[in-house]
Amino acid sequence: MNMVEALAAALVIVNVALVAARSVWNYPVALAAVAIYGWVFVGANLYSDALLQGFFFAANLYGWANWARSRADAGEVVVERLDPATRVTWLGGGIVACLVWGTLMHRYTDASYPWWDGGIAIASVAAQVMQARRAIESWWVWIAVDVASVPLYAAKGLMFTTGLYLVLLGLSIWGLIDWRRARGRQGRMALA
């Protein structure tokens, strides 16, 4: 399984680098990566992460259409910003969903670290949806996911995945910086 895990990790790195660069081509890579990772996580009894890959597959299809439409309309993938009320809604909904999902995983499965794994899964769902909608705040959530994921995957002995999340942390910081620059350029162009 280590070579399969390594392949999935490599695909995720390519995917996130393409996302940070706001390239629509991240989506075919993402679809392959999440399909492979679904299988890896089932083998590690990380059921929240395994189910999350199915969600990511669907969310990546949605994101691909949304980003392609943005690029067709504006000539580039336009970065959006959430309003304060929407941020609060995402935060409150995420906390409730983490509590519910962690409870379900704890009570009805033999999941390893059900609360930790569940919290990462729910935060990843929020980040993926926000990213599909091109919201810059998605990068802050991805940074939190990456920081929380490193010790979880290390505890499970998934060393390629642990390394992956260290790389993803760097890519998420780069993505946030790059998207902030793009947002600034787009704001200046709108004023011109």
N, C-alpha and C. Protein backbone atom coordinates (compact mmCIF):
# COMPACT_ATOMS: atom_id res chain seq x y z
N MET A 1 0.82 -1.20 0.00
CA MET A 1 0.00 0.00 0.00
C MET A 1 0.86 1.26 0.00
N ASN A 2 2.13 1.18 0.43
CA ASN A 2 2.96 2.37 0.48
C ASN A 2 3.14 3.03 -0.88
N MET A 3 3.29 2.26 -1.94
CA MET A 3 3.46 2.86 -3.27
C MET A 3 2.15 3.50 -3.74
N VAL A 4 1.02 2.89 -3.41
CA VAL A 4 -0.27 3.49 -3.76
C VAL A 4 -0.45 4.79 -3.00
N GLU A 5 -0.11 4.76 -1.71
CA GLU A 5 -0.19 5.97 -0.89
C GLU A 5 0.74 7.05 -1.44
N ALA A 6 1.94 6.67 -1.87
CA ALA A 6 2.90 7.61 -2.44
C ALA A 6 2.36 8.24 -3.72
N LEU A 7 1.73 7.42 -4.57
CA LEU A 7 1.14 7.94 -5.80
C LEU A 7 0.04 8.95 -5.48
N ALA A 8 -0.83 8.60 -4.55
CA ALA A 8 -1.91 9.52 -4.16
C ALA A 8 -1.33 10.82 -3.62
N ALA A 9 -0.30 10.72 -2.78
CA ALA A 9 0.32 11.91 -2.21
C ALA A 9 0.92 12.79 -3.30
N ALA A 10 1.60 12.17 -4.27
CA ALA A 10 2.20 12.94 -5.36
C ALA A 10 1.13 13.66 -6.18
N LEU A 11 0.03 12.98 -6.44
CA LEU A 11 -1.06 13.61 -7.19
C LEU A 11 -1.68 14.78 -6.42
N VAL A 12 -1.79 14.63 -5.11
CA VAL A 12 -2.35 15.72 -4.30
C VAL A 12 -1.42 16.94 -4.34
N ILE A 13 -0.12 16.72 -4.28
CA ILE A 13 0.83 17.84 -4.35
C ILE A 13 0.67 18.58 -5.67
N VAL A 14 0.61 17.84 -6.76
CA VAL A 14 0.42 18.47 -8.07
C VAL A 14 -0.91 19.23 -8.08
N ASN A 15 -1.95 18.60 -7.56
CA ASN A 15 -3.27 19.22 -7.53
C ASN A 15 -3.25 20.54 -6.78
N VAL A 16 -2.72 20.54 -5.56
CA VAL A 16 -2.76 21.75 -4.73
C VAL A 16 -1.88 22.84 -5.34
N ALA A 17 -0.76 22.47 -5.94
CA ALA A 17 0.06 23.47 -6.62
C ALA A 17 -0.73 24.13 -7.76
N LEU A 18 -1.49 23.33 -8.48
CA LEU A 18 -2.33 23.88 -9.56
C LEU A 18 -3.46 24.74 -9.00
N VAL A 19 -4.03 24.35 -7.85
CA VAL A 19 -5.07 25.17 -7.21
C VAL A 19 -4.48 26.51 -6.79
N ALA A 20 -3.32 26.48 -6.16
CA ALA A 20 -2.68 27.72 -5.71
C ALA A 20 -2.42 28.65 -6.88
N ALA A 21 -2.10 28.08 -8.04
CA ALA A 21 -1.87 28.86 -9.24
C ALA A 21 -3.17 29.22 -9.97
N ARG A 22 -4.30 28.82 -9.39
CA ARG A 22 -5.64 29.07 -9.95
C ARG A 22 -5.79 28.47 -11.35
N SER A 23 -5.23 27.27 -11.54
CA SER A 23 -5.36 26.56 -12.81
C SER A 23 -6.53 25.59 -12.75
N VAL A 24 -7.39 25.67 -13.74
CA VAL A 24 -8.53 24.76 -13.83
C VAL A 24 -8.07 23.31 -13.99
N TRP A 25 -6.84 23.11 -14.46
CA TRP A 25 -6.32 21.76 -14.67
C TRP A 25 -6.08 21.01 -13.38
N ASN A 26 -6.26 21.67 -12.23
CA ASN A 26 -6.14 20.95 -10.97
C ASN A 26 -7.21 19.87 -10.83
N TYR A 27 -8.35 20.08 -11.47
CA TYR A 27 -9.48 19.19 -11.24
C TYR A 27 -9.31 17.77 -11.76
N PRO A 28 -8.81 17.51 -12.97
CA PRO A 28 -8.60 16.10 -13.36
C PRO A 28 -7.61 15.39 -12.44
N VAL A 29 -6.57 16.11 -12.01
CA VAL A 29 -5.59 15.53 -11.09
C VAL A 29 -6.26 15.21 -9.76
N ALA A 30 -7.09 16.13 -9.28
CA ALA A 30 -7.79 15.93 -8.01
C ALA A 30 -8.69 14.70 -8.05
N LEU A 31 -9.40 14.50 -9.14
CA LEU A 31 -10.30 13.35 -9.24
C LEU A 31 -9.54 12.04 -9.12
N ALA A 32 -8.37 11.94 -9.76
CA ALA A 32 -7.56 10.72 -9.64
C ALA A 32 -7.04 10.57 -8.21
N ALA A 33 -6.57 11.65 -7.61
CA ALA A 33 -6.00 11.59 -6.27
C ALA A 33 -7.02 11.14 -5.23
N VAL A 34 -8.21 11.70 -5.27
CA VAL A 34 -9.20 11.35 -4.24
C VAL A 34 -9.70 9.92 -4.42
N ALA A 35 -9.76 9.44 -5.64
CA ALA A 35 -10.17 8.05 -5.85
C ALA A 35 -9.15 7.10 -5.21
N ILE A 36 -7.88 7.37 -5.41
CA ILE A 36 -6.84 6.52 -4.84
C ILE A 36 -6.82 6.64 -3.32
N TYR A 37 -6.92 7.86 -2.81
CA TYR A 37 -6.88 8.05 -1.36
C TYR A 37 -8.08 7.42 -0.67
N GLY A 38 -9.21 7.36 -1.30
CA GLY A 38 -10.36 6.68 -0.70
C GLY A 38 -10.01 5.25 -0.34
N TRP A 39 -9.35 4.57 -1.24
CA TRP A 39 -8.94 3.18 -1.01
C TRP A 39 -7.90 3.09 0.11
N VAL A 40 -6.93 4.01 0.13
CA VAL A 40 -5.89 4.02 1.17
C VAL A 40 -6.52 4.19 2.56
N PHE A 41 -7.45 5.12 2.69
CA PHE A 41 -8.03 5.41 3.99
C PHE A 41 -8.94 4.28 4.49
N VAL A 42 -9.60 3.58 3.61
CA VAL A 42 -10.39 2.42 4.04
C VAL A 42 -9.44 1.39 4.65
N GLY A 43 -8.30 1.18 4.01
CA GLY A 43 -7.32 0.23 4.53
C GLY A 43 -6.75 0.60 5.88
N ALA A 44 -6.78 1.90 6.22
CA ALA A 44 -6.24 2.38 7.50
C ALA A 44 -7.33 2.58 8.55
N ASN A 45 -8.57 2.18 8.25
CA ASN A 45 -9.72 2.36 9.15
C ASN A 45 -9.96 3.82 9.51
N LEU A 46 -9.64 4.72 8.60
CA LEU A 46 -9.95 6.14 8.77
C LEU A 46 -11.18 6.41 7.91
N TYR A 47 -12.33 6.00 8.42
CA TYR A 47 -13.56 6.01 7.64
C TYR A 47 -14.04 7.41 7.30
N SER A 48 -13.84 8.37 8.20
CA SER A 48 -14.24 9.74 7.88
C SER A 48 -13.44 10.23 6.67
N ASP A 49 -12.15 9.95 6.67
CA ASP A 49 -11.32 10.35 5.54
C ASP A 49 -11.71 9.61 4.27
N ALA A 50 -12.05 8.34 4.39
CA ALA A 50 -12.46 7.56 3.22
C ALA A 50 -13.75 8.12 2.62
N LEU A 51 -14.74 8.39 3.47
CA LEU A 51 -15.99 8.98 2.98
C LEU A 51 -15.75 10.37 2.41
N LEU A 52 -14.84 11.08 3.02
CA LEU A 52 -14.51 12.42 2.55
C LEU A 52 -14.04 12.41 1.11
N GLN A 53 -13.34 11.37 0.70
CA GLN A 53 -12.85 11.29 -0.67
C GLN A 53 -14.00 11.23 -1.67
N GLY A 54 -15.09 10.54 -1.30
CA GLY A 54 -16.27 10.53 -2.17
C GLY A 54 -16.87 11.91 -2.29
N PHE A 55 -16.95 12.62 -1.18
CA PHE A 55 -17.43 14.00 -1.22
C PHE A 55 -16.51 14.85 -2.09
N PHE A 56 -15.19 14.69 -1.90
CA PHE A 56 -14.25 15.48 -2.69
C PHE A 56 -14.42 15.23 -4.18
N PHE A 57 -14.71 13.99 -4.55
CA PHE A 57 -14.90 13.69 -5.96
C PHE A 57 -16.04 14.54 -6.52
N ALA A 58 -17.18 14.54 -5.82
CA ALA A 58 -18.33 15.33 -6.27
C ALA A 58 -18.03 16.83 -6.22
N ALA A 59 -17.39 17.29 -5.15
CA ALA A 59 -17.08 18.72 -5.01
C ALA A 59 -16.10 19.17 -6.09
N ASN A 60 -15.18 18.29 -6.48
CA ASN A 60 -14.24 18.65 -7.54
C ASN A 60 -14.94 18.76 -8.89
N LEU A 61 -15.95 17.95 -9.13
CA LEU A 61 -16.73 18.11 -10.36
C LEU A 61 -17.44 19.46 -10.36
N TYR A 62 -18.04 19.83 -9.23
CA TYR A 62 -18.70 21.14 -9.10
C TYR A 62 -17.69 22.28 -9.27
N GLY A 63 -16.55 22.17 -8.57
CA GLY A 63 -15.53 23.21 -8.66
C GLY A 63 -15.00 23.39 -10.07
N TRP A 64 -14.81 22.29 -10.77
CA TRP A 64 -14.32 22.35 -12.14
C TRP A 64 -15.27 23.18 -13.00
N ALA A 65 -16.56 22.92 -12.88
CA ALA A 65 -17.55 23.69 -13.65
C ALA A 65 -17.54 25.16 -13.23
N ASN A 66 -17.48 25.43 -11.94
CA ASN A 66 -17.51 26.81 -11.43
C ASN A 66 -16.26 27.58 -11.87
N TRP A 67 -15.10 26.98 -11.73
CA TRP A 67 -13.86 27.64 -12.12
C TRP A 67 -13.81 27.86 -13.63
N ALA A 68 -14.25 26.88 -14.40
CA ALA A 68 -14.26 27.01 -15.86
C ALA A 68 -15.17 28.16 -16.29
N ARG A 69 -16.31 28.29 -15.63
CA ARG A 69 -17.24 29.38 -15.93
C ARG A 69 -16.61 30.73 -15.57
N SER A 70 -15.95 30.82 -14.43
CA SER A 70 -15.28 32.05 -14.02
C SER A 70 -14.20 32.44 -15.02
N ARG A 71 -13.42 31.47 -15.43
CA ARG A 71 -12.35 31.75 -16.39
C ARG A 71 -12.92 32.17 -17.73
N ALA A 72 -14.01 31.55 -18.16
CA ALA A 72 -14.63 31.91 -19.43
C ALA A 72 -15.20 33.34 -19.37
N ASP A 73 -15.78 33.70 -18.23
CA ASP A 73 -16.40 35.03 -18.09
C ASP A 73 -15.36 36.14 -17.91
N ALA A 74 -14.32 35.89 -17.13
CA ALA A 74 -13.39 36.96 -16.76
C ALA A 74 -12.00 36.80 -17.37
N GLY A 75 -11.73 35.68 -18.04
CA GLY A 75 -10.41 35.45 -18.60
C GLY A 75 -9.44 34.85 -17.60
N GLU A 76 -9.86 34.72 -16.35
CA GLU A 76 -9.06 34.10 -15.30
C GLU A 76 -10.01 33.61 -14.21
N VAL A 77 -9.49 32.80 -13.30
CA VAL A 77 -10.29 32.35 -12.16
C VAL A 77 -10.29 33.49 -11.15
N VAL A 78 -11.48 34.05 -10.92
CA VAL A 78 -11.63 35.22 -10.05
C VAL A 78 -11.71 34.76 -8.59
N VAL A 79 -10.93 35.42 -7.73
CA VAL A 79 -10.91 35.13 -6.29
C VAL A 79 -12.03 35.93 -5.62
N GLU A 80 -12.80 35.26 -4.79
CA GLU A 80 -13.90 35.89 -4.06
C GLU A 80 -13.55 36.00 -2.58
N ARG A 81 -14.31 36.81 -1.85
CA ARG A 81 -14.15 36.95 -0.40
C ARG A 81 -15.52 36.79 0.23
N LEU A 82 -15.58 36.03 1.34
CA LEU A 82 -16.83 35.84 2.06
C LEU A 82 -17.14 37.08 2.90
N ASP A 83 -18.42 37.40 3.00
CA ASP A 83 -18.80 38.51 3.88
C ASP A 83 -18.79 38.00 5.32
N PRO A 84 -18.74 38.91 6.32
CA PRO A 84 -18.63 38.49 7.72
C PRO A 84 -19.75 37.54 8.18
N ALA A 85 -20.96 37.79 7.78
CA ALA A 85 -22.07 36.92 8.20
C ALA A 85 -21.89 35.50 7.65
N THR A 86 -21.41 35.39 6.43
CA THR A 86 -21.18 34.08 5.83
C THR A 86 -20.05 33.35 6.56
N ARG A 87 -19.03 34.08 6.96
CA ARG A 87 -17.93 33.46 7.72
C ARG A 87 -18.44 32.88 9.04
N VAL A 88 -19.28 33.64 9.73
CA VAL A 88 -19.84 33.17 11.01
C VAL A 88 -20.70 31.94 10.78
N THR A 89 -21.48 31.95 9.71
CA THR A 89 -22.32 30.79 9.38
C THR A 89 -21.47 29.56 9.12
N TRP A 90 -20.39 29.70 8.36
CA TRP A 90 -19.49 28.58 8.09
C TRP A 90 -18.89 28.05 9.39
N LEU A 91 -18.44 28.96 10.26
CA LEU A 91 -17.83 28.55 11.52
C LEU A 91 -18.82 27.81 12.41
N GLY A 92 -20.00 28.38 12.60
CA GLY A 92 -21.01 27.74 13.44
C GLY A 92 -21.46 26.40 12.89
N GLY A 93 -21.71 26.35 11.59
CA GLY A 93 -22.10 25.10 10.96
C GLY A 93 -21.01 24.05 11.06
N GLY A 94 -19.76 24.49 10.92
CA GLY A 94 -18.63 23.56 11.02
C GLY A 94 -18.50 22.96 12.41
N ILE A 95 -18.69 23.77 13.43
CA ILE A 95 -18.60 23.27 14.81
C ILE A 95 -19.69 22.24 15.08
N VAL A 96 -20.92 22.55 14.68
CA VAL A 96 -22.03 21.61 14.88
C VAL A 96 -21.78 20.32 14.10
N ALA A 97 -21.36 20.45 12.85
CA ALA A 97 -21.11 19.26 12.03
C ALA A 97 -19.98 18.41 12.61
N CYS A 98 -18.94 19.04 13.16
CA CYS A 98 -17.85 18.29 13.79
C CYS A 98 -18.35 17.48 14.98
N LEU A 99 -19.18 18.10 15.79
CA LEU A 99 -19.73 17.39 16.95
C LEU A 99 -20.60 16.21 16.53
N VAL A 100 -21.45 16.43 15.55
CA VAL A 100 -22.34 15.36 15.08
C VAL A 100 -21.54 14.24 14.44
N TRP A 101 -20.62 14.59 13.52
CA TRP A 101 -19.86 13.57 12.81
C TRP A 101 -18.95 12.79 13.75
N GLY A 102 -18.27 13.49 14.65
CA GLY A 102 -17.41 12.80 15.62
C GLY A 102 -18.20 11.83 16.48
N THR A 103 -19.40 12.24 16.90
CA THR A 103 -20.27 11.36 17.69
C THR A 103 -20.65 10.11 16.91
N LEU A 104 -21.04 10.29 15.65
CA LEU A 104 -21.42 9.14 14.82
C LEU A 104 -20.24 8.18 14.62
N MET A 105 -19.08 8.72 14.33
CA MET A 105 -17.90 7.87 14.12
C MET A 105 -17.50 7.16 15.41
N HIS A 106 -17.62 7.83 16.54
CA HIS A 106 -17.26 7.24 17.83
C HIS A 106 -18.24 6.13 18.21
N ARG A 107 -19.49 6.39 17.99
CA ARG A 107 -20.53 5.47 18.45
C ARG A 107 -20.75 4.27 17.53
N TYR A 108 -20.65 4.46 16.23
CA TYR A 108 -21.08 3.42 15.30
C TYR A 108 -19.97 2.77 14.47
N THR A 109 -18.71 3.18 14.69
CA THR A 109 -17.63 2.55 13.92
C THR A 109 -16.46 2.21 14.85
N ASP A 110 -15.49 1.52 14.29
CA ASP A 110 -14.26 1.26 15.02
C ASP A 110 -13.17 2.23 14.56
N ALA A 111 -13.60 3.43 14.15
CA ALA A 111 -12.67 4.43 13.61
C ALA A 111 -11.57 4.76 14.61
N SER A 112 -10.39 4.92 14.08
CA SER A 112 -9.26 5.41 14.88
C SER A 112 -9.44 6.91 15.06
N TYR A 113 -9.29 7.38 16.30
CA TYR A 113 -9.37 8.81 16.58
C TYR A 113 -10.62 9.46 15.95
N PRO A 114 -11.81 9.00 16.30
CA PRO A 114 -13.01 9.47 15.60
C PRO A 114 -13.25 10.98 15.68
N TRP A 115 -12.92 11.61 16.80
CA TRP A 115 -13.18 13.05 16.92
C TRP A 115 -12.17 13.84 16.11
N TRP A 116 -10.92 13.47 16.21
CA TRP A 116 -9.85 14.15 15.49
C TRP A 116 -10.04 13.98 13.99
N ASP A 117 -10.22 12.73 13.58
CA ASP A 117 -10.43 12.41 12.17
C ASP A 117 -11.69 13.10 11.65
N GLY A 118 -12.75 13.06 12.46
CA GLY A 118 -14.01 13.69 12.05
C GLY A 118 -13.89 15.20 11.92
N GLY A 119 -13.16 15.83 12.85
CA GLY A 119 -12.96 17.27 12.78
C GLY A 119 -12.20 17.68 11.53
N ILE A 120 -11.18 16.90 11.20
CA ILE A 120 -10.41 17.16 9.98
C ILE A 120 -11.31 16.98 8.75
N ALA A 121 -12.13 15.94 8.78
CA ALA A 121 -13.01 15.68 7.64
C ALA A 121 -13.99 16.82 7.42
N ILE A 122 -14.63 17.28 8.49
CA ILE A 122 -15.62 18.35 8.36
C ILE A 122 -14.95 19.65 7.93
N ALA A 123 -13.80 19.98 8.51
CA ALA A 123 -13.09 21.19 8.09
C ALA A 123 -12.66 21.08 6.63
N SER A 124 -12.29 19.89 6.19
CA SER A 124 -11.91 19.69 4.79
C SER A 124 -13.11 19.88 3.86
N VAL A 125 -14.27 19.43 4.29
CA VAL A 125 -15.49 19.65 3.50
C VAL A 125 -15.72 21.14 3.33
N ALA A 126 -15.65 21.87 4.44
CA ALA A 126 -15.88 23.32 4.38
C ALA A 126 -14.85 23.98 3.45
N ALA A 127 -13.59 23.62 3.61
CA ALA A 127 -12.54 24.22 2.79
C ALA A 127 -12.74 23.90 1.31
N GLN A 128 -13.12 22.65 1.02
CA GLN A 128 -13.29 22.26 -0.38
C GLN A 128 -14.44 23.01 -1.03
N VAL A 129 -15.54 23.16 -0.32
CA VAL A 129 -16.69 23.89 -0.88
C VAL A 129 -16.32 25.37 -1.07
N MET A 130 -15.68 25.95 -0.07
CA MET A 130 -15.26 27.35 -0.21
C MET A 130 -14.29 27.52 -1.37
N GLN A 131 -13.39 26.55 -1.55
CA GLN A 131 -12.43 26.65 -2.64
C GLN A 131 -13.12 26.48 -3.99
N ALA A 132 -14.08 25.57 -4.06
CA ALA A 132 -14.83 25.41 -5.31
C ALA A 132 -15.55 26.71 -5.68
N ARG A 133 -15.93 27.48 -4.66
CA ARG A 133 -16.58 28.78 -4.88
C ARG A 133 -15.57 29.91 -5.01
N ARG A 134 -14.29 29.57 -4.97
CA ARG A 134 -13.18 30.50 -5.18
C ARG A 134 -13.00 31.48 -4.03
N ALA A 135 -13.42 31.11 -2.81
CA ALA A 135 -13.32 31.98 -1.64
C ALA A 135 -11.91 31.90 -1.06
N ILE A 136 -11.28 33.03 -0.88
CA ILE A 136 -9.92 33.08 -0.35
C ILE A 136 -9.82 32.50 1.06
N GLU A 137 -10.91 32.57 1.82
CA GLU A 137 -10.91 32.03 3.19
C GLU A 137 -10.68 30.53 3.22
N SER A 138 -10.89 29.87 2.11
CA SER A 138 -10.64 28.42 2.06
C SER A 138 -9.21 28.10 2.45
N TRP A 139 -8.27 28.97 2.11
CA TRP A 139 -6.88 28.70 2.42
C TRP A 139 -6.61 28.69 3.92
N TRP A 140 -7.28 29.55 4.69
CA TRP A 140 -7.11 29.54 6.14
C TRP A 140 -7.58 28.21 6.73
N VAL A 141 -8.69 27.71 6.20
CA VAL A 141 -9.21 26.43 6.69
C VAL A 141 -8.26 25.30 6.29
N TRP A 142 -7.75 25.34 5.06
CA TRP A 142 -6.80 24.30 4.63
C TRP A 142 -5.54 24.32 5.50
N ILE A 143 -5.07 25.50 5.89
CA ILE A 143 -3.90 25.58 6.76
C ILE A 143 -4.20 24.88 8.09
N ALA A 144 -5.38 25.13 8.66
CA ALA A 144 -5.76 24.47 9.92
C ALA A 144 -5.85 22.95 9.73
N VAL A 145 -6.43 22.51 8.62
CA VAL A 145 -6.53 21.08 8.33
C VAL A 145 -5.14 20.45 8.25
N ASP A 146 -4.23 21.12 7.56
CA ASP A 146 -2.88 20.59 7.39
C ASP A 146 -2.17 20.45 8.73
N VAL A 147 -2.29 21.49 9.57
CA VAL A 147 -1.64 21.46 10.89
C VAL A 147 -2.21 20.32 11.74
N ALA A 148 -3.52 20.10 11.69
CA ALA A 148 -4.14 19.03 12.48
C ALA A 148 -3.86 17.64 11.91
N SER A 149 -3.67 17.55 10.61
CA SER A 149 -3.51 16.25 9.95
C SER A 149 -2.15 15.62 10.17
N VAL A 150 -1.10 16.41 10.26
CA VAL A 150 0.25 15.87 10.38
C VAL A 150 0.38 14.89 11.55
N PRO A 151 0.00 15.29 12.77
CA PRO A 151 0.15 14.34 13.87
C PRO A 151 -0.81 13.14 13.78
N LEU A 152 -1.99 13.32 13.20
CA LEU A 152 -2.93 12.20 13.07
C LEU A 152 -2.35 11.12 12.16
N TYR A 153 -1.88 11.52 10.99
CA TYR A 153 -1.37 10.53 10.04
C TYR A 153 -0.06 9.92 10.54
N ALA A 154 0.74 10.69 11.27
CA ALA A 154 1.96 10.12 11.86
C ALA A 154 1.58 9.05 12.89
N ALA A 155 0.55 9.32 13.70
CA ALA A 155 0.10 8.34 14.70
C ALA A 155 -0.40 7.06 14.05
N LYS A 156 -0.95 7.15 12.85
CA LYS A 156 -1.45 5.98 12.13
C LYS A 156 -0.36 5.31 11.28
N GLY A 157 0.85 5.87 11.27
CA GLY A 157 1.94 5.26 10.50
C GLY A 157 1.85 5.51 9.01
N LEU A 158 1.05 6.47 8.59
CA LEU A 158 0.92 6.81 7.17
C LEU A 158 1.96 7.88 6.85
N MET A 159 3.20 7.44 6.66
CA MET A 159 4.30 8.38 6.56
C MET A 159 4.28 9.20 5.28
N PHE A 160 3.90 8.62 4.15
CA PHE A 160 3.79 9.42 2.93
C PHE A 160 2.73 10.51 3.12
N THR A 161 1.65 10.15 3.75
CA THR A 161 0.57 11.11 3.96
C THR A 161 0.98 12.18 4.98
N THR A 162 1.72 11.78 6.00
CA THR A 162 2.25 12.77 6.95
C THR A 162 3.14 13.77 6.22
N GLY A 163 4.04 13.27 5.41
CA GLY A 163 4.91 14.15 4.61
C GLY A 163 4.09 15.01 3.66
N LEU A 164 3.07 14.40 3.07
CA LEU A 164 2.20 15.14 2.16
C LEU A 164 1.60 16.35 2.86
N TYR A 165 1.09 16.16 4.07
CA TYR A 165 0.43 17.28 4.75
C TYR A 165 1.42 18.34 5.19
N LEU A 166 2.67 17.99 5.39
CA LEU A 166 3.69 19.01 5.63
C LEU A 166 3.90 19.85 4.36
N VAL A 167 3.97 19.17 3.22
CA VAL A 167 4.10 19.89 1.94
C VAL A 167 2.84 20.72 1.68
N LEU A 168 1.67 20.14 1.95
CA LEU A 168 0.42 20.86 1.73
C LEU A 168 0.33 22.12 2.60
N LEU A 169 0.89 22.05 3.80
CA LEU A 169 0.90 23.24 4.65
C LEU A 169 1.66 24.37 3.94
N GLY A 170 2.82 24.06 3.40
CA GLY A 170 3.57 25.07 2.66
C GLY A 170 2.82 25.56 1.44
N LEU A 171 2.21 24.63 0.69
CA LEU A 171 1.44 25.02 -0.49
C LEU A 171 0.22 25.85 -0.12
N SER A 172 -0.41 25.54 1.02
CA SER A 172 -1.57 26.32 1.45
C SER A 172 -1.18 27.75 1.81
N ILE A 173 -0.03 27.89 2.44
CA ILE A 173 0.46 29.24 2.75
C ILE A 173 0.75 29.99 1.45
N TRP A 174 1.40 29.31 0.51
CA TRP A 174 1.67 29.91 -0.80
C TRP A 174 0.35 30.26 -1.49
N GLY A 175 -0.63 29.35 -1.46
CA GLY A 175 -1.93 29.61 -2.09
C GLY A 175 -2.60 30.84 -1.51
N LEU A 176 -2.58 30.96 -0.18
CA LEU A 176 -3.17 32.14 0.47
C LEU A 176 -2.49 33.42 0.00
N ILE A 177 -1.17 33.42 -0.02
CA ILE A 177 -0.43 34.61 -0.46
C ILE A 177 -0.74 34.94 -1.91
N ASP A 178 -0.70 33.93 -2.78
CA ASP A 178 -0.95 34.15 -4.20
C ASP A 178 -2.38 34.62 -4.46
N TRP A 179 -3.35 33.99 -3.78
CA TRP A 179 -4.75 34.40 -3.98
C TRP A 179 -4.99 35.81 -3.45
N ARG A 180 -4.31 36.19 -2.37
CA ARG A 180 -4.44 37.57 -1.87
C ARG A 180 -3.91 38.56 -2.90
N ARG A 181 -2.78 38.23 -3.51
CA ARG A 181 -2.24 39.09 -4.57
C ARG A 181 -3.21 39.18 -5.75
N ALA A 182 -3.74 38.03 -6.15
CA ALA A 182 -4.69 38.02 -7.27
C ALA A 182 -5.94 38.84 -6.94
N ARG A 183 -6.43 38.70 -5.74
CA ARG A 183 -7.61 39.46 -5.30
C ARG A 183 -7.31 40.96 -5.36
N GLY A 184 -6.11 41.34 -4.91
CA GLY A 184 -5.71 42.75 -4.97
C GLY A 184 -5.66 43.26 -6.40
N ARG A 185 -5.07 42.47 -7.31
CA ARG A 185 -5.02 42.85 -8.73
C ARG A 185 -6.41 42.97 -9.32
N GLN A 186 -7.27 42.01 -8.98
CA GLN A 186 -8.63 42.02 -9.52
C GLN A 186 -9.39 43.24 -9.01
N GLY A 187 -9.17 43.61 -7.74
CA GLY A 187 -9.81 44.80 -7.19
C GLY A 187 -9.36 46.06 -7.88
N ARG A 188 -8.06 46.16 -8.16
CA ARG A 188 -7.52 47.34 -8.87
C ARG A 188 -8.05 47.41 -10.29
N MET A 189 -8.17 46.24 -10.96
CA MET A 189 -8.68 46.24 -12.33
C MET A 189 -10.15 46.63 -12.36
N ALA A 190 -10.91 46.26 -11.34
CA ALA A 190 -12.33 46.61 -11.29
C ALA A 190 -12.51 48.12 -11.11
N LEU A 191 -11.56 48.76 -10.44
CA LEU A 191 -11.65 50.20 -10.22
C LEU A 191 -11.22 51.00 -11.45
N ALA A 192 -10.42 50.37 -12.31
CA ALA A 192 -9.90 51.09 -13.50
C ALA A 192 -10.93 51.30 -14.56
